[in-house]
Amino acid sequence: MGFLDDAKAKLGDAVDDHGDKIGDGIDKAADVASDKTGGKFDDKIDTGADKLKDGLDSLDGKDDDIT
């Protein structure tokens, strides 16, 4: 197993174990970005946060860890 495969497996395990906390962290980061930009880019920030959650959630092939 190569370095990237090992990193992907470890990240997938972390998402499986702590998906709710990771999702909350992404939401908080999106809220901070929204506050810093005065809400001007809320649609882009929300889209980015959703894509990040979907990408992390799909590491194990199932969409069941991050809400």
PDB file of N, CA and C in Angstrom:
ATOM      1  N   MET A   1       0.844  -1.174   0.000  1.00  0.00           N
ATOM      2  CA  MET A   1       0.000   0.000   0.000  1.00  0.00           C
ATOM      3  C   MET A   1       0.892   1.240   0.000  1.00  0.00           C
ATOM      4  N   GLY A   2       0.612   2.165  -0.904  1.00  0.00           N
ATOM      5  CA  GLY A   2       1.390   3.380  -0.996  1.00  0.00           C
ATOM      6  C   GLY A   2       0.983   4.397   0.053  1.00  0.00           C
ATOM      7  N   PHE A   3       1.752   5.458   0.106  1.00  0.00           N
ATOM      8  CA  PHE A   3       1.513   6.524   1.084  1.00  0.00           C
ATOM      9  C   PHE A   3       0.108   7.107   0.949  1.00  0.00           C
ATOM     10  N   LEU A   4      -0.300   7.400  -0.273  1.00  0.00           N
ATOM     11  CA  LEU A   4      -1.618   8.017  -0.465  1.00  0.00           C
ATOM     12  C   LEU A   4      -2.747   7.048  -0.137  1.00  0.00           C
ATOM     13  N   ASP A   5      -2.563   5.781  -0.452  1.00  0.00           N
ATOM     14  CA  ASP A   5      -3.581   4.789  -0.103  1.00  0.00           C
ATOM     15  C   ASP A   5      -3.722   4.665   1.404  1.00  0.00           C
ATOM     16  N   ASP A   6      -2.580   4.687   2.094  1.00  0.00           N
ATOM     17  CA  ASP A   6      -2.591   4.605   3.551  1.00  0.00           C
ATOM     18  C   ASP A   6      -3.265   5.840   4.161  1.00  0.00           C
ATOM     19  N   ALA A   7      -2.952   7.019   3.619  1.00  0.00           N
ATOM     20  CA  ALA A   7      -3.554   8.258   4.119  1.00  0.00           C
ATOM     21  C   ALA A   7      -5.062   8.260   3.879  1.00  0.00           C
ATOM     22  N   LYS A   8      -5.493   7.781   2.709  1.00  0.00           N
ATOM     23  CA  LYS A   8      -6.922   7.730   2.402  1.00  0.00           C
ATOM     24  C   LYS A   8      -7.650   6.780   3.351  1.00  0.00           C
ATOM     25  N   ALA A   9      -7.031   5.652   3.641  1.00  0.00           N
ATOM     26  CA  ALA A   9      -7.642   4.691   4.558  1.00  0.00           C
ATOM     27  C   ALA A   9      -7.770   5.270   5.961  1.00  0.00           C
ATOM     28  N   LYS A  10      -6.729   5.949   6.422  1.00  0.00           N
ATOM     29  CA  LYS A  10      -6.771   6.554   7.759  1.00  0.00           C
ATOM     30  C   LYS A  10      -7.807   7.667   7.824  1.00  0.00           C
ATOM     31  N   LEU A  11      -7.876   8.470   6.778  1.00  0.00           N
ATOM     32  CA  LEU A  11      -8.875   9.539   6.746  1.00  0.00           C
ATOM     33  C   LEU A  11     -10.277   8.960   6.700  1.00  0.00           C
ATOM     34  N   GLY A  12     -10.464   7.901   5.950  1.00  0.00           N
ATOM     35  CA  GLY A  12     -11.768   7.235   5.899  1.00  0.00           C
ATOM     36  C   GLY A  12     -12.185   6.693   7.253  1.00  0.00           C
ATOM     37  N   ASP A  13     -11.215   6.121   7.986  1.00  0.00           N
ATOM     38  CA  ASP A  13     -11.514   5.624   9.331  1.00  0.00           C
ATOM     39  C   ASP A  13     -11.894   6.761  10.267  1.00  0.00           C
ATOM     40  N   ALA A  14     -11.193   7.896  10.153  1.00  0.00           N
ATOM     41  CA  ALA A  14     -11.504   9.053  11.001  1.00  0.00           C
ATOM     42  C   ALA A  14     -12.903   9.575  10.706  1.00  0.00           C
ATOM     43  N   VAL A  15     -13.266   9.610   9.436  1.00  0.00           N
ATOM     44  CA  VAL A  15     -14.600  10.078   9.053  1.00  0.00           C
ATOM     45  C   VAL A  15     -15.658   9.115   9.575  1.00  0.00           C
ATOM     46  N   ASP A  16     -15.390   7.815   9.494  1.00  0.00           N
ATOM     47  CA  ASP A  16     -16.335   6.828  10.025  1.00  0.00           C
ATOM     48  C   ASP A  16     -16.541   7.012  11.525  1.00  0.00           C
ATOM     49  N   ASP A  17     -15.456   7.267  12.241  1.00  0.00           N
ATOM     50  CA  ASP A  17     -15.528   7.367  13.697  1.00  0.00           C
ATOM     51  C   ASP A  17     -16.042   8.717  14.193  1.00  0.00           C
ATOM     52  N   HIS A  18     -15.722   9.787  13.464  1.00  0.00           N
ATOM     53  CA  HIS A  18     -16.016  11.139  13.963  1.00  0.00           C
ATOM     54  C   HIS A  18     -16.719  12.013  12.920  1.00  0.00           C
ATOM     55  N   GLY A  19     -17.541  11.413  12.080  1.00  0.00           N
ATOM     56  CA  GLY A  19     -18.202  12.150  11.009  1.00  0.00           C
ATOM     57  C   GLY A  19     -19.058  13.296  11.490  1.00  0.00           C
ATOM     58  N   ASP A  20     -19.744  13.113  12.626  1.00  0.00           N
ATOM     59  CA  ASP A  20     -20.593  14.184  13.133  1.00  0.00           C
ATOM     60  C   ASP A  20     -19.770  15.390  13.572  1.00  0.00           C
ATOM     61  N   LYS A  21     -18.638  15.159  14.205  1.00  0.00           N
ATOM     62  CA  LYS A  21     -17.781  16.260  14.641  1.00  0.00           C
ATOM     63  C   LYS A  21     -17.137  16.967  13.450  1.00  0.00           C
ATOM     64  N   ILE A  22     -16.752  16.197  12.447  1.00  0.00           N
ATOM     65  CA  ILE A  22     -16.156  16.781  11.249  1.00  0.00           C
ATOM     66  C   ILE A  22     -17.186  17.638  10.522  1.00  0.00           C
ATOM     67  N   GLY A  23     -18.411  17.152  10.411  1.00  0.00           N
ATOM     68  CA  GLY A  23     -19.477  17.929   9.776  1.00  0.00           C
ATOM     69  C   GLY A  23     -19.755  19.224  10.515  1.00  0.00           C
ATOM     70  N   ASP A  24     -19.771  19.162  11.848  1.00  0.00           N
ATOM     71  CA  ASP A  24     -19.968  20.373  12.645  1.00  0.00           C
ATOM     72  C   ASP A  24     -18.836  21.369  12.429  1.00  0.00           C
ATOM     73  N   GLY A  25     -17.609  20.865  12.339  1.00  0.00           N
ATOM     74  CA  GLY A  25     -16.457  21.736  12.107  1.00  0.00           C
ATOM     75  C   GLY A  25     -16.516  22.424  10.759  1.00  0.00           C
ATOM     76  N   ILE A  26     -16.943  21.685   9.740  1.00  0.00           N
ATOM     77  CA  ILE A  26     -17.090  22.283   8.409  1.00  0.00           C
ATOM     78  C   ILE A  26     -18.161  23.364   8.430  1.00  0.00           C
ATOM     79  N   ASP A  27     -19.280  23.101   9.117  1.00  0.00           N
ATOM     80  CA  ASP A  27     -20.342  24.106   9.226  1.00  0.00           C
ATOM     81  C   ASP A  27     -19.859  25.352   9.957  1.00  0.00           C
ATOM     82  N   LYS A  28     -19.101  25.171  11.029  1.00  0.00           N
ATOM     83  CA  LYS A  28     -18.576  26.322  11.775  1.00  0.00           C
ATOM     84  C   LYS A  28     -17.608  27.130  10.920  1.00  0.00           C
ATOM     85  N   ALA A  29     -16.751  26.448  10.163  1.00  0.00           N
ATOM     86  CA  ALA A  29     -15.815  27.153   9.278  1.00  0.00           C
ATOM     87  C   ALA A  29     -16.569  27.928   8.207  1.00  0.00           C
ATOM     88  N   ALA A  30     -17.642  27.354   7.677  1.00  0.00           N
ATOM     89  CA  ALA A  30     -18.457  28.050   6.675  1.00  0.00           C
ATOM     90  C   ALA A  30     -19.125  29.278   7.287  1.00  0.00           C
ATOM     91  N   ASP A  31     -19.583  29.166   8.535  1.00  0.00           N
ATOM     92  CA  ASP A  31     -20.195  30.315   9.213  1.00  0.00           C
ATOM     93  C   ASP A  31     -19.186  31.436   9.419  1.00  0.00           C
ATOM     94  N   VAL A  32     -17.965  31.094   9.798  1.00  0.00           N
ATOM     95  CA  VAL A  32     -16.921  32.104   9.990  1.00  0.00           C
ATOM     96  C   VAL A  32     -16.604  32.785   8.664  1.00  0.00           C
ATOM     97  N   ALA A  33     -16.478  32.002   7.601  1.00  0.00           N
ATOM     98  CA  ALA A  33     -16.209  32.581   6.284  1.00  0.00           C
ATOM     99  C   ALA A  33     -17.345  33.501   5.856  1.00  0.00           C
ATOM    100  N   SER A  34     -18.568  33.108   6.135  1.00  0.00           N
ATOM    101  CA  SER A  34     -19.717  33.938   5.798  1.00  0.00           C
ATOM    102  C   SER A  34     -19.692  35.250   6.577  1.00  0.00           C
ATOM    103  N   ASP A  35     -19.380  35.167   7.867  1.00  0.00           N
ATOM    104  CA  ASP A  35     -19.300  36.372   8.691  1.00  0.00           C
ATOM    105  C   ASP A  35     -18.193  37.305   8.203  1.00  0.00           C
ATOM    106  N   LYS A  36     -17.051  36.738   7.848  1.00  0.00           N
ATOM    107  CA  LYS A  36     -15.912  37.552   7.400  1.00  0.00           C
ATOM    108  C   LYS A  36     -16.192  38.246   6.074  1.00  0.00           C
ATOM    109  N   THR A  37     -17.012  37.639   5.232  1.00  0.00           N
ATOM    110  CA  THR A  37     -17.315  38.237   3.935  1.00  0.00           C
ATOM    111  C   THR A  37     -18.628  39.012   3.947  1.00  0.00           C
ATOM    112  N   GLY A  38     -19.254  39.109   5.098  1.00  0.00           N
ATOM    113  CA  GLY A  38     -20.493  39.861   5.211  1.00  0.00           C
ATOM    114  C   GLY A  38     -21.664  39.210   4.503  1.00  0.00           C
ATOM    115  N   GLY A  39     -21.601  37.906   4.296  1.00  0.00           N
ATOM    116  CA  GLY A  39     -22.697  37.197   3.637  1.00  0.00           C
ATOM    117  C   GLY A  39     -22.719  37.337   2.129  1.00  0.00           C
ATOM    118  N   LYS A  40     -21.708  38.006   1.588  1.00  0.00           N
ATOM    119  CA  LYS A  40     -21.676  38.285   0.156  1.00  0.00           C
ATOM    120  C   LYS A  40     -21.530  37.014  -0.688  1.00  0.00           C
ATOM    121  N   PHE A  41     -20.853  36.011  -0.159  1.00  0.00           N
ATOM    122  CA  PHE A  41     -20.575  34.795  -0.918  1.00  0.00           C
ATOM    123  C   PHE A  41     -21.210  33.563  -0.288  1.00  0.00           C
ATOM    124  N   ASP A  42     -22.335  33.729   0.391  1.00  0.00           N
ATOM    125  CA  ASP A  42     -22.969  32.619   1.100  1.00  0.00           C
ATOM    126  C   ASP A  42     -23.279  31.426   0.197  1.00  0.00           C
ATOM    127  N   ASP A  43     -23.753  31.686  -1.021  1.00  0.00           N
ATOM    128  CA  ASP A  43     -24.080  30.575  -1.911  1.00  0.00           C
ATOM    129  C   ASP A  43     -22.843  29.766  -2.279  1.00  0.00           C
ATOM    130  N   LYS A  44     -21.732  30.432  -2.528  1.00  0.00           N
ATOM    131  CA  LYS A  44     -20.497  29.734  -2.879  1.00  0.00           C
ATOM    132  C   LYS A  44     -19.909  29.006  -1.662  1.00  0.00           C
ATOM    133  N   ILE A  45     -19.990  29.618  -0.503  1.00  0.00           N
ATOM    134  CA  ILE A  45     -19.487  29.001   0.723  1.00  0.00           C
ATOM    135  C   ILE A  45     -20.300  27.755   1.048  1.00  0.00           C
ATOM    136  N   ASP A  46     -21.618  27.845   0.942  1.00  0.00           N
ATOM    137  CA  ASP A  46     -22.477  26.692   1.221  1.00  0.00           C
ATOM    138  C   ASP A  46     -22.223  25.556   0.230  1.00  0.00           C
ATOM    139  N   THR A  47     -22.048  25.908  -1.032  1.00  0.00           N
ATOM    140  CA  THR A  47     -21.762  24.897  -2.054  1.00  0.00           C
ATOM    141  C   THR A  47     -20.437  24.201  -1.755  1.00  0.00           C
ATOM    142  N   GLY A  48     -19.419  24.982  -1.400  1.00  0.00           N
ATOM    143  CA  GLY A  48     -18.116  24.410  -1.081  1.00  0.00           C
ATOM    144  C   GLY A  48     -18.168  23.507   0.138  1.00  0.00           C
ATOM    145  N   ALA A  49     -18.881  23.922   1.171  1.00  0.00           N
ATOM    146  CA  ALA A  49     -19.001  23.116   2.385  1.00  0.00           C
ATOM    147  C   ALA A  49     -19.730  21.801   2.087  1.00  0.00           C
ATOM    148  N   ASP A  50     -20.779  21.874   1.285  1.00  0.00           N
ATOM    149  CA  ASP A  50     -21.525  20.660   0.930  1.00  0.00           C
ATOM    150  C   ASP A  50     -20.662  19.700   0.115  1.00  0.00           C
ATOM    151  N   LYS A  51     -19.887  20.230  -0.828  1.00  0.00           N
ATOM    152  CA  LYS A  51     -19.018  19.379  -1.643  1.00  0.00           C
ATOM    153  C   LYS A  51     -17.917  18.752  -0.796  1.00  0.00           C
ATOM    154  N   LEU A  52     -17.388  19.502   0.154  1.00  0.00           N
ATOM    155  CA  LEU A  52     -16.370  18.956   1.049  1.00  0.00           C
ATOM    156  C   LEU A  52     -16.938  17.820   1.888  1.00  0.00           C
ATOM    157  N   LYS A  53     -18.128  18.024   2.438  1.00  0.00           N
ATOM    158  CA  LYS A  53     -18.774  16.971   3.227  1.00  0.00           C
ATOM    159  C   LYS A  53     -19.030  15.731   2.374  1.00  0.00           C
ATOM    160  N   ASP A  54     -19.539  15.923   1.159  1.00  0.00           N
ATOM    161  CA  ASP A  54     -19.820  14.792   0.274  1.00  0.00           C
ATOM    162  C   ASP A  54     -18.540  14.050  -0.096  1.00  0.00           C
ATOM    163  N   GLY A  55     -17.478  14.789  -0.368  1.00  0.00           N
ATOM    164  CA  GLY A  55     -16.212  14.165  -0.728  1.00  0.00           C
ATOM    165  C   GLY A  55     -15.631  13.347   0.410  1.00  0.00           C
ATOM    166  N   LEU A  56     -15.657  13.892   1.603  1.00  0.00           N
ATOM    167  CA  LEU A  56     -15.142  13.152   2.756  1.00  0.00           C
ATOM    168  C   LEU A  56     -16.026  11.953   3.083  1.00  0.00           C
ATOM    169  N   ASP A  57     -17.315  12.142   2.954  1.00  0.00           N
ATOM    170  CA  ASP A  57     -18.252  11.067   3.287  1.00  0.00           C
ATOM    171  C   ASP A  57     -18.145   9.898   2.311  1.00  0.00           C
ATOM    172  N   SER A  58     -17.774  10.170   1.083  1.00  0.00           N
ATOM    173  CA  SER A  58     -17.728   9.109   0.081  1.00  0.00           C
ATOM    174  C   SER A  58     -16.399   8.353   0.069  1.00  0.00           C
ATOM    175  N   LEU A  59     -15.494   8.634   0.982  1.00  0.00           N
ATOM    176  CA  LEU A  59     -14.204   7.939   1.014  1.00  0.00           C
ATOM    177  C   LEU A  59     -14.367   6.443   1.214  1.00  0.00           C
ATOM    178  N   ASP A  60     -15.376   6.038   1.952  1.00  0.00           N
ATOM    179  CA  ASP A  60     -15.577   4.606   2.186  1.00  0.00           C
ATOM    180  C   ASP A  60     -16.594   3.995   1.225  1.00  0.00           C
ATOM    181  N   GLY A  61     -17.045   4.768   0.242  1.00  0.00           N
ATOM    182  CA  GLY A  61     -17.990   4.262  -0.729  1.00  0.00           C
ATOM    183  C   GLY A  61     -19.440   4.340  -0.300  1.00  0.00           C
ATOM    184  N   LYS A  62     -19.687   4.819   0.915  1.00  0.00           N
ATOM    185  CA  LYS A  62     -21.046   4.963   1.425  1.00  0.00           C
ATOM    186  C   LYS A  62     -21.255   6.401   1.864  1.00  0.00           C
ATOM    187  N   ASP A  63     -22.443   6.917   1.683  1.00  0.00           N
ATOM    188  CA  ASP A  63     -22.770   8.261   2.128  1.00  0.00           C
ATOM    189  C   ASP A  63     -23.581   8.155   3.420  1.00  0.00           C
ATOM    190  N   ASP A  64     -22.887   7.925   4.530  1.00  0.00           N
ATOM    191  CA  ASP A  64     -23.620   7.689   5.761  1.00  0.00           C
ATOM    192  C   ASP A  64     -22.975   8.306   7.000  1.00  0.00           C
ATOM    193  N   ASP A  65     -21.855   8.994   6.847  1.00  0.00           N
ATOM    194  CA  ASP A  65     -21.106   9.415   8.017  1.00  0.00           C
ATOM    195  C   ASP A  65     -21.279  10.887   8.386  1.00  0.00           C
ATOM    196  N   ILE A  66     -21.326  11.750   7.409  1.00  0.00           N
ATOM    197  CA  ILE A  66     -21.406  13.192   7.674  1.00  0.00           C
ATOM    198  C   ILE A  66     -22.775  13.692   7.272  1.00  0.00           C
ATOM    199  N   THR A  67     -23.393  14.447   8.179  1.00  0.00           N
ATOM    200  CA  THR A  67     -24.718  15.004   7.876  1.00  0.00           C
ATOM    201  C   THR A  67     -24.628  16.483   7.657  1.00  0.00           C
TER     202      THR A  67
END
